């Protein structure tokens, strides 16, 4: 177990209203990734523990910082912000740059937390969930982005389960 049931910061649902349901489930998915990465040093976080995959917990954290940035900062807020960790020369820089360096880990945590805070603020301040942003040629409603983010975290939290189990044997929850 990662945490004792009484100490688990995640909820068991019970949300009322569309905004509360979507933001609550997304918050719980974010907390799950944070739990999967907790208590590990830089070497363990950067370990590619499910060969031949190049995924690592640190890479997933960096990847999700970029996903948060893309959907909330770029698509929904319309900001022209350069992507975290990715470039034309290294489109997988979020994973490739996940090296066992405490400074890289500290920067990844700070970037992920900053992007989550931006997303939470944008969502809280939106007058309703039909607010739109533009992704390429497609208009996206905030509710669609929130559902996509829940989906994205859920998928990658499954990866994090396997990675963490191979690192130190901790499973589930």
Foldseek 3Di string as FASTA:
>chain_A
DLDPPVPQPADPDPFDDLLRRLVNLLVNLVSLLVSLPPPDALQLQLDPQDPPDLDGSQLLLLVLLQLLCCVQVCFQVVDPDPGPQADPVRNSRSSVVSHSDRVSSVVSVVSSVVSVVSNVVSSVPDPDQQRWGDDPPDIDTNSRSSVVSSVSSVVVSVVSQVSSCSSPNDHDD
